[in-house]
Amino acid sequence: MTGTNGNGAHLIEMRDLKRVYQLGAEEIHALRGIDMILKQGEYVAIMGPSGSGKSTLMNIIGCLDRPSGGQYILDGTPVESMNDDELAAVRNKKIGFVFQTFNLLARTSALANVELPLVYARIPRAERRRMAEEALSAVGLGDRMSHQPNELSGGQRQRVAIARALVNKPSLLLADEPTGNLDSQTGREILDLFRTLHDNGNSIIMVTHEDDVAKEAARVIHIRDGRIQT
């Protein structure tokens, strides 16, 4: 990744960000004017109860959705006015996703799972393999590359998912409840891995509802009723 830990440059800028959903005649105000700045190399946790707007905020951060109003600048690029193709390109290039449920292809090796974003990015095969092997080694799975998900433990599967998220060297690692499906010891190992990645200069946003997980981050942002709590 960029290795820009602590250079003070803004990776994310949100100004008066709003998201309104239309449900029949009813308007649902999921986000009600979010102001947020994330610097390069920061490790931030976003917390909030169910219905607080944190999932909506994560979807907008991850370019899976667009705001209804306000401004979102990601790594110098204004996101709010992009079309679907432009959003997909930014997603693939700038954001690595880690999900609670791993989202791995079942009958495919760890190496092939990690190569997938590089296939979409049209990276040549030999280069793809080298980058995927490097990413798996970085998360401690250099000896498990040919294993399929059903031959791996939950923690190992999440490491494959993290390697896949990192392989494109994105600007931002976005993790949604990354320890939610893991026992406490395995969850601890994954959080230690995130800490190492942050120490190596990666920018991380982690969405969680668990206090002890959020404490791993350098900064915690609380959201409630579509607003950031100060």
C-alpha atoms as a PDB file:
ATOM      1  CA  MET A   1       0.000   0.000   0.000  1.00  0.00           C
ATOM      2  CA  THR A   2       0.993   3.627   0.069  1.00  0.00           C
ATOM      3  CA  GLY A   3       3.104   3.669   3.230  1.00  0.00           C
ATOM      4  CA  THR A   4       2.102   7.267   3.906  1.00  0.00           C
ATOM      5  CA  ASN A   5       1.509   6.818   7.624  1.00  0.00           C
ATOM      6  CA  GLY A   6       1.436  10.170   9.357  1.00  0.00           C
ATOM      7  CA  ASN A   7       2.035  12.451   6.383  1.00  0.00           C
ATOM      8  CA  GLY A   8      -1.092  14.433   7.246  1.00  0.00           C
ATOM      9  CA  ALA A   9      -2.649  14.283   3.764  1.00  0.00           C
ATOM     10  CA  HIS A  10      -6.418  13.820   3.694  1.00  0.00           C
ATOM     11  CA  LEU A  11      -7.543  10.438   2.385  1.00  0.00           C
ATOM     12  CA  ILE A  12     -11.254  11.070   3.026  1.00  0.00           C
ATOM     13  CA  GLU A  13     -13.153  14.347   3.294  1.00  0.00           C
ATOM     14  CA  MET A  14     -16.897  14.385   3.900  1.00  0.00           C
ATOM     15  CA  ARG A  15     -18.822  17.618   4.158  1.00  0.00           C
ATOM     16  CA  ASP A  16     -22.511  17.790   5.141  1.00  0.00           C
ATOM     17  CA  LEU A  17     -23.040  14.300   3.720  1.00  0.00           C
ATOM     18  CA  LYS A  18     -26.670  13.171   3.561  1.00  0.00           C
ATOM     19  CA  ARG A  19     -28.428   9.993   2.448  1.00  0.00           C
ATOM     20  CA  VAL A  20     -32.201   9.858   2.084  1.00  0.00           C
ATOM     21  CA  TYR A  21     -34.113   6.743   1.031  1.00  0.00           C
ATOM     22  CA  GLN A  22     -37.604   6.910  -0.417  1.00  0.00           C
ATOM     23  CA  LEU A  23     -39.881   4.149   0.884  1.00  0.00           C
ATOM     24  CA  GLY A  24     -43.204   4.722  -0.819  1.00  0.00           C
ATOM     25  CA  ALA A  25     -44.436   8.076   0.446  1.00  0.00           C
ATOM     26  CA  GLU A  26     -42.009   8.021   3.374  1.00  0.00           C
ATOM     27  CA  GLU A  27     -38.521   9.526   3.427  1.00  0.00           C
ATOM     28  CA  ILE A  28     -35.896   7.763   5.555  1.00  0.00           C
ATOM     29  CA  HIS A  29     -33.033  10.080   6.548  1.00  0.00           C
ATOM     30  CA  ALA A  30     -30.196   7.582   7.077  1.00  0.00           C
ATOM     31  CA  LEU A  31     -27.427  10.213   7.200  1.00  0.00           C
ATOM     32  CA  ARG A  32     -28.157  13.757   8.359  1.00  0.00           C
ATOM     33  CA  GLY A  33     -25.094  15.831   7.558  1.00  0.00           C
ATOM     34  CA  ILE A  34     -21.864  13.922   8.221  1.00  0.00           C
ATOM     35  CA  ASP A  35     -18.587  15.857   8.468  1.00  0.00           C
ATOM     36  CA  MET A  36     -15.542  13.601   8.628  1.00  0.00           C
ATOM     37  CA  ILE A  37     -11.850  13.778   7.747  1.00  0.00           C
ATOM     38  CA  LEU A  38      -9.555  10.757   7.640  1.00  0.00           C
ATOM     39  CA  LYS A  39      -5.838  11.286   7.139  1.00  0.00           C
ATOM     40  CA  GLN A  40      -3.537   8.963   5.234  1.00  0.00           C
ATOM     41  CA  GLY A  41      -2.359   6.136   7.472  1.00  0.00           C
ATOM     42  CA  GLU A  42      -5.102   6.544  10.101  1.00  0.00           C
ATOM     43  CA  TYR A  43      -6.810   3.613  11.824  1.00  0.00           C
ATOM     44  CA  VAL A  44     -10.415   4.531  12.666  1.00  0.00           C
ATOM     45  CA  ALA A  45     -13.320   2.537  14.095  1.00  0.00           C
ATOM     46  CA  ILE A  46     -16.929   3.512  13.360  1.00  0.00           C
ATOM     47  CA  MET A  47     -19.426   2.476  16.047  1.00  0.00           C
ATOM     48  CA  GLY A  48     -23.157   2.801  16.321  1.00  0.00           C
ATOM     49  CA  PRO A  49     -26.285   0.877  17.275  1.00  0.00           C
ATOM     50  CA  SER A  50     -28.482  -0.870  14.727  1.00  0.00           C
ATOM     51  CA  GLY A  51     -30.249   1.745  12.585  1.00  0.00           C
ATOM     52  CA  SER A  52     -27.690   4.450  13.426  1.00  0.00           C
ATOM     53  CA  GLY A  53     -26.586   4.914   9.813  1.00  0.00           C
ATOM     54  CA  LYS A  54     -23.186   3.212  10.147  1.00  0.00           C
ATOM     55  CA  SER A  55     -23.905   0.655   7.392  1.00  0.00           C
ATOM     56  CA  THR A  56     -25.097   3.434   5.069  1.00  0.00           C
ATOM     57  CA  LEU A  57     -21.970   5.430   5.861  1.00  0.00           C
ATOM     58  CA  MET A  58     -19.784   2.399   5.190  1.00  0.00           C
ATOM     59  CA  ASN A  59     -21.509   1.782   1.840  1.00  0.00           C
ATOM     60  CA  ILE A  60     -20.835   5.380   0.804  1.00  0.00           C
ATOM     61  CA  ILE A  61     -17.211   5.271   2.022  1.00  0.00           C
ATOM     62  CA  GLY A  62     -16.797   2.052   0.008  1.00  0.00           C
ATOM     63  CA  CYS A  63     -18.361   3.582  -3.130  1.00  0.00           C
ATOM     64  CA  LEU A  64     -21.158   0.985  -3.029  1.00  0.00           C
ATOM     65  CA  ASP A  65     -23.703   3.810  -2.754  1.00  0.00           C
ATOM     66  CA  ARG A  66     -23.887   7.536  -3.436  1.00  0.00           C
ATOM     67  CA  PRO A  67     -24.875  10.317  -1.054  1.00  0.00           C
ATOM     68  CA  SER A  68     -28.109  12.246  -1.657  1.00  0.00           C
ATOM     69  CA  GLY A  69     -26.373  15.494  -0.770  1.00  0.00           C
ATOM     70  CA  GLY A  70     -23.095  16.921   0.426  1.00  0.00           C
ATOM     71  CA  GLN A  71     -19.549  16.122  -0.673  1.00  0.00           C
ATOM     72  CA  TYR A  72     -17.321  13.035  -0.480  1.00  0.00           C
ATOM     73  CA  ILE A  73     -13.713  13.297  -1.658  1.00  0.00           C
ATOM     74  CA  LEU A  74     -11.691  10.064  -1.634  1.00  0.00           C
ATOM     75  CA  ASP A  75      -7.947  10.394  -2.194  1.00  0.00           C
ATOM     76  CA  GLY A  76      -8.493  13.665  -4.063  1.00  0.00           C
ATOM     77  CA  THR A  77     -11.385  12.363  -6.203  1.00  0.00           C
ATOM     78  CA  PRO A  78     -14.953  13.739  -5.763  1.00  0.00           C
ATOM     79  CA  VAL A  79     -17.193  10.669  -5.501  1.00  0.00           C
ATOM     80  CA  GLU A  80     -20.694  12.121  -5.216  1.00  0.00           C
ATOM     81  CA  SER A  81     -21.027  12.967  -8.925  1.00  0.00           C
ATOM     82  CA  MET A  82     -19.645   9.700 -10.363  1.00  0.00           C
ATOM     83  CA  ASN A  83     -21.612   7.287 -12.530  1.00  0.00           C
ATOM     84  CA  ASP A  84     -21.789   3.545 -11.789  1.00  0.00           C
ATOM     85  CA  ASP A  85     -18.795   2.635 -13.981  1.00  0.00           C
ATOM     86  CA  GLU A  86     -16.631   5.324 -12.389  1.00  0.00           C
ATOM     87  CA  LEU A  87     -17.680   4.177  -8.907  1.00  0.00           C
ATOM     88  CA  ALA A  88     -16.786   0.563  -9.771  1.00  0.00           C
ATOM     89  CA  ALA A  89     -13.350   1.649 -11.028  1.00  0.00           C
ATOM     90  CA  VAL A  90     -12.650   3.619  -7.822  1.00  0.00           C
ATOM     91  CA  ARG A  91     -13.853   0.661  -5.722  1.00  0.00           C
ATOM     92  CA  ASN A  92     -11.526  -1.771  -7.471  1.00  0.00           C
ATOM     93  CA  LYS A  93      -8.503   0.526  -7.415  1.00  0.00           C
ATOM     94  CA  LYS A  94      -8.711   2.419  -4.130  1.00  0.00           C
ATOM     95  CA  ILE A  95     -10.631   0.245  -1.632  1.00  0.00           C
ATOM     96  CA  GLY A  96     -10.002  -3.201  -0.167  1.00  0.00           C
ATOM     97  CA  PHE A  97     -13.020  -4.795   1.522  1.00  0.00           C
ATOM     98  CA  VAL A  98     -12.988  -7.269   4.426  1.00  0.00           C
ATOM     99  CA  PHE A  99     -16.373  -8.720   5.386  1.00  0.00           C
ATOM    100  CA  GLN A 100     -17.620 -10.595   8.450  1.00  0.00           C
ATOM    101  CA  THR A 101     -18.561 -13.610   6.282  1.00  0.00           C
ATOM    102  CA  PHE A 102     -15.220 -13.716   4.351  1.00  0.00           C
ATOM    103  CA  ASN A 103     -17.003 -13.886   0.923  1.00  0.00           C
ATOM    104  CA  LEU A 104     -14.534 -16.373  -0.571  1.00  0.00           C
ATOM    105  CA  LEU A 105     -15.204 -18.558  -3.615  1.00  0.00           C
ATOM    106  CA  ALA A 106     -15.733 -22.066  -2.206  1.00  0.00           C
ATOM    107  CA  ARG A 107     -14.081 -24.439  -4.690  1.00  0.00           C
ATOM    108  CA  THR A 108     -11.154 -22.173  -5.449  1.00  0.00           C
ATOM    109  CA  SER A 109      -7.675 -22.057  -3.923  1.00  0.00           C
ATOM    110  CA  ALA A 110      -6.588 -19.304  -1.562  1.00  0.00           C
ATOM    111  CA  LEU A 111      -4.236 -18.051  -4.289  1.00  0.00           C
ATOM    112  CA  ALA A 112      -7.011 -17.853  -6.911  1.00  0.00           C
ATOM    113  CA  ASN A 113      -9.310 -16.063  -4.431  1.00  0.00           C
ATOM    114  CA  VAL A 114      -6.638 -13.439  -3.794  1.00  0.00           C
ATOM    115  CA  GLU A 115      -5.950 -13.068  -7.528  1.00  0.00           C
ATOM    116  CA  LEU A 116      -9.588 -12.181  -8.271  1.00  0.00           C
ATOM    117  CA  PRO A 117      -9.350  -8.357  -7.971  1.00  0.00           C
ATOM    118  CA  LEU A 118      -6.263  -8.491 -10.209  1.00  0.00           C
ATOM    119  CA  VAL A 119      -8.242 -10.383 -12.866  1.00  0.00           C
ATOM    120  CA  TYR A 120     -10.784  -7.533 -12.865  1.00  0.00           C
ATOM    121  CA  ALA A 121      -7.908  -5.056 -13.076  1.00  0.00           C
ATOM    122  CA  ARG A 122      -6.548  -6.976 -16.122  1.00  0.00           C
ATOM    123  CA  ILE A 123      -3.138  -7.609 -14.563  1.00  0.00           C
ATOM    124  CA  PRO A 124      -1.139 -10.191 -16.615  1.00  0.00           C
ATOM    125  CA  ARG A 125      -1.183 -13.734 -15.196  1.00  0.00           C
ATOM    126  CA  ALA A 126       2.459 -13.999 -14.043  1.00  0.00           C
ATOM    127  CA  GLU A 127       2.276 -10.600 -12.331  1.00  0.00           C
ATOM    128  CA  ARG A 128      -1.059 -11.581 -10.755  1.00  0.00           C
ATOM    129  CA  ARG A 129       0.413 -14.725  -9.270  1.00  0.00           C
ATOM    130  CA  ARG A 130       3.445 -12.896  -7.872  1.00  0.00           C
ATOM    131  CA  MET A 131       1.270 -10.193  -6.259  1.00  0.00           C
ATOM    132  CA  ALA A 132      -1.162 -12.754  -4.792  1.00  0.00           C
ATOM    133  CA  GLU A 133       1.674 -14.863  -3.355  1.00  0.00           C
ATOM    134  CA  GLU A 134       3.188 -11.737  -1.809  1.00  0.00           C
ATOM    135  CA  ALA A 135      -0.149 -10.745  -0.223  1.00  0.00           C
ATOM    136  CA  LEU A 136      -0.743 -14.231   1.224  1.00  0.00           C
ATOM    137  CA  SER A 137       2.787 -14.331   2.643  1.00  0.00           C
ATOM    138  CA  ALA A 138       2.185 -10.917   4.239  1.00  0.00           C
ATOM    139  CA  VAL A 139      -0.783 -12.320   6.220  1.00  0.00           C
ATOM    140  CA  GLY A 140       1.114 -15.470   7.255  1.00  0.00           C
ATOM    141  CA  LEU A 141      -0.397 -17.917   4.760  1.00  0.00           C
ATOM    142  CA  GLY A 142       2.590 -18.575   2.508  1.00  0.00           C
ATOM    143  CA  ASP A 143       2.183 -22.313   3.179  1.00  0.00           C
ATOM    144  CA  ARG A 144      -1.588 -22.447   2.506  1.00  0.00           C
ATOM    145  CA  MET A 145      -1.823 -20.984  -1.009  1.00  0.00           C
ATOM    146  CA  SER A 146      -3.226 -24.087  -2.699  1.00  0.00           C
ATOM    147  CA  HIS A 147      -5.806 -24.794   0.048  1.00  0.00           C
ATOM    148  CA  GLN A 148      -9.509 -24.210  -0.595  1.00  0.00           C
ATOM    149  CA  PRO A 149     -11.639 -22.364   1.993  1.00  0.00           C
ATOM    150  CA  ASN A 150     -13.144 -25.601   3.392  1.00  0.00           C
ATOM    151  CA  GLU A 151      -9.580 -26.762   4.176  1.00  0.00           C
ATOM    152  CA  LEU A 152      -8.869 -23.626   6.219  1.00  0.00           C
ATOM    153  CA  SER A 153      -9.903 -22.485   9.700  1.00  0.00           C
ATOM    154  CA  GLY A 154     -12.116 -19.416  10.155  1.00  0.00           C
ATOM    155  CA  GLY A 155      -9.114 -17.284  11.035  1.00  0.00           C
ATOM    156  CA  GLN A 156      -7.199 -18.501   7.996  1.00  0.00           C
ATOM    157  CA  ARG A 157     -10.196 -17.740   5.766  1.00  0.00           C
ATOM    158  CA  GLN A 158     -10.314 -14.200   7.115  1.00  0.00           C
ATOM    159  CA  ARG A 159      -6.574 -13.863   6.434  1.00  0.00           C
ATOM    160  CA  VAL A 160      -7.221 -14.912   2.812  1.00  0.00           C
ATOM    161  CA  ALA A 161      -9.946 -12.247   2.645  1.00  0.00           C
ATOM    162  CA  ILE A 162      -7.520  -9.648   4.056  1.00  0.00           C
ATOM    163  CA  ALA A 163      -4.849 -10.673   1.529  1.00  0.00           C
ATOM    164  CA  ARG A 164      -7.429 -10.294  -1.247  1.00  0.00           C
ATOM    165  CA  ALA A 165      -8.342  -6.828   0.073  1.00  0.00           C
ATOM    166  CA  LEU A 166      -4.674  -5.780   0.127  1.00  0.00           C
ATOM    167  CA  VAL A 167      -3.489  -7.289  -3.158  1.00  0.00           C
ATOM    168  CA  ASN A 168      -4.366  -4.237  -5.271  1.00  0.00           C
ATOM    169  CA  LYS A 169      -2.480  -1.992  -2.824  1.00  0.00           C
ATOM    170  CA  PRO A 170      -5.605   0.126  -2.254  1.00  0.00           C
ATOM    171  CA  SER A 171      -5.660   3.522  -0.559  1.00  0.00           C
ATOM    172  CA  LEU A 172      -8.070   2.270   2.123  1.00  0.00           C
ATOM    173  CA  LEU A 173      -8.831  -1.019   3.875  1.00  0.00           C
ATOM    174  CA  LEU A 174     -12.533  -1.093   4.851  1.00  0.00           C
ATOM    175  CA  ALA A 175     -13.465  -3.832   7.336  1.00  0.00           C
ATOM    176  CA  ASP A 176     -17.059  -4.626   8.336  1.00  0.00           C
ATOM    177  CA  GLU A 177     -17.226  -6.537  11.655  1.00  0.00           C
ATOM    178  CA  PRO A 178     -14.061  -8.459  10.659  1.00  0.00           C
ATOM    179  CA  THR A 179     -14.003 -10.576  13.839  1.00  0.00           C
ATOM    180  CA  GLY A 180     -17.781 -11.130  14.051  1.00  0.00           C
ATOM    181  CA  ASN A 181     -17.688 -14.789  12.953  1.00  0.00           C
ATOM    182  CA  LEU A 182     -14.537 -15.737  14.855  1.00  0.00           C
ATOM    183  CA  ASP A 183     -13.894 -17.060  18.363  1.00  0.00           C
ATOM    184  CA  SER A 184     -12.145 -14.660  20.732  1.00  0.00           C
ATOM    185  CA  GLN A 185      -8.616 -16.067  20.289  1.00  0.00           C
ATOM    186  CA  THR A 186      -8.836 -16.078  16.480  1.00  0.00           C
ATOM    187  CA  GLY A 187     -10.389 -12.611  16.560  1.00  0.00           C
ATOM    188  CA  ARG A 188      -7.415 -11.436  18.620  1.00  0.00           C
ATOM    189  CA  GLU A 189      -5.040 -12.771  15.933  1.00  0.00           C
ATOM    190  CA  ILE A 190      -6.930 -10.905  13.200  1.00  0.00           C
ATOM    191  CA  LEU A 191      -6.867  -7.662  15.232  1.00  0.00           C
ATOM    192  CA  ASP A 192      -3.120  -8.113  15.749  1.00  0.00           C
ATOM    193  CA  LEU A 193      -2.784  -8.453  11.976  1.00  0.00           C
ATOM    194  CA  PHE A 194      -4.717  -5.203  11.450  1.00  0.00           C
ATOM    195  CA  ARG A 195      -2.392  -3.490  13.917  1.00  0.00           C
ATOM    196  CA  THR A 196       0.633  -4.711  11.945  1.00  0.00           C
ATOM    197  CA  LEU A 197      -0.927  -3.522   8.682  1.00  0.00           C
ATOM    198  CA  HIS A 198      -1.540  -0.103  10.241  1.00  0.00           C
ATOM    199  CA  ASP A 199       2.030   0.031  11.538  1.00  0.00           C
ATOM    200  CA  ASN A 200       3.128  -0.629   7.950  1.00  0.00           C
ATOM    201  CA  GLY A 201       1.266   2.480   6.760  1.00  0.00           C
ATOM    202  CA  ASN A 202      -2.143   1.149   5.749  1.00  0.00           C
ATOM    203  CA  SER A 203      -5.219   3.336   6.228  1.00  0.00           C
ATOM    204  CA  ILE A 204      -7.990   1.327   7.913  1.00  0.00           C
ATOM    205  CA  ILE A 205     -11.658   1.973   8.691  1.00  0.00           C
ATOM    206  CA  MET A 206     -13.312  -0.734  10.776  1.00  0.00           C
ATOM    207  CA  VAL A 207     -17.053  -0.840  11.388  1.00  0.00           C
ATOM    208  CA  THR A 208     -17.928  -2.619  14.633  1.00  0.00           C
ATOM    209  CA  HIS A 209     -20.478  -2.679  17.454  1.00  0.00           C
ATOM    210  CA  GLU A 210     -17.991  -4.142  19.950  1.00  0.00           C
ATOM    211  CA  ASP A 211     -16.188  -1.775  22.334  1.00  0.00           C
ATOM    212  CA  ASP A 212     -13.123  -3.978  22.782  1.00  0.00           C
ATOM    213  CA  VAL A 213     -12.670  -4.248  19.003  1.00  0.00           C
ATOM    214  CA  ALA A 214     -13.123  -0.493  18.500  1.00  0.00           C
ATOM    215  CA  LYS A 215     -10.423   0.195  21.103  1.00  0.00           C
ATOM    216  CA  GLU A 216      -7.876  -1.325  18.719  1.00  0.00           C
ATOM    217  CA  ALA A 217      -8.218   1.730  16.474  1.00  0.00           C
ATOM    218  CA  ALA A 218      -6.406   4.998  17.109  1.00  0.00           C
ATOM    219  CA  ARG A 219      -9.694   6.928  16.863  1.00  0.00           C
ATOM    220  CA  VAL A 220     -13.338   5.945  17.386  1.00  0.00           C
ATOM    221  CA  ILE A 221     -16.201   7.724  15.608  1.00  0.00           C
ATOM    222  CA  HIS A 222     -19.650   7.224  17.148  1.00  0.00           C
ATOM    223  CA  ILE A 223     -22.702   7.587  14.937  1.00  0.00           C
ATOM    224  CA  ARG A 224     -26.312   7.775  16.108  1.00  0.00           C
ATOM    225  CA  ASP A 225     -29.480   8.757  14.274  1.00  0.00           C
ATOM    226  CA  GLY A 226     -27.502   9.583  11.146  1.00  0.00           C
ATOM    227  CA  ARG A 227     -25.178  12.032  12.887  1.00  0.00           C
ATOM    228  CA  ILE A 228     -21.672  11.801  14.308  1.00  0.00           C
ATOM    229  CA  GLN A 229     -21.695  12.141  18.092  1.00  0.00           C
ATOM    230  CA  THR A 230     -19.173  14.619  19.443  1.00  0.00           C
END
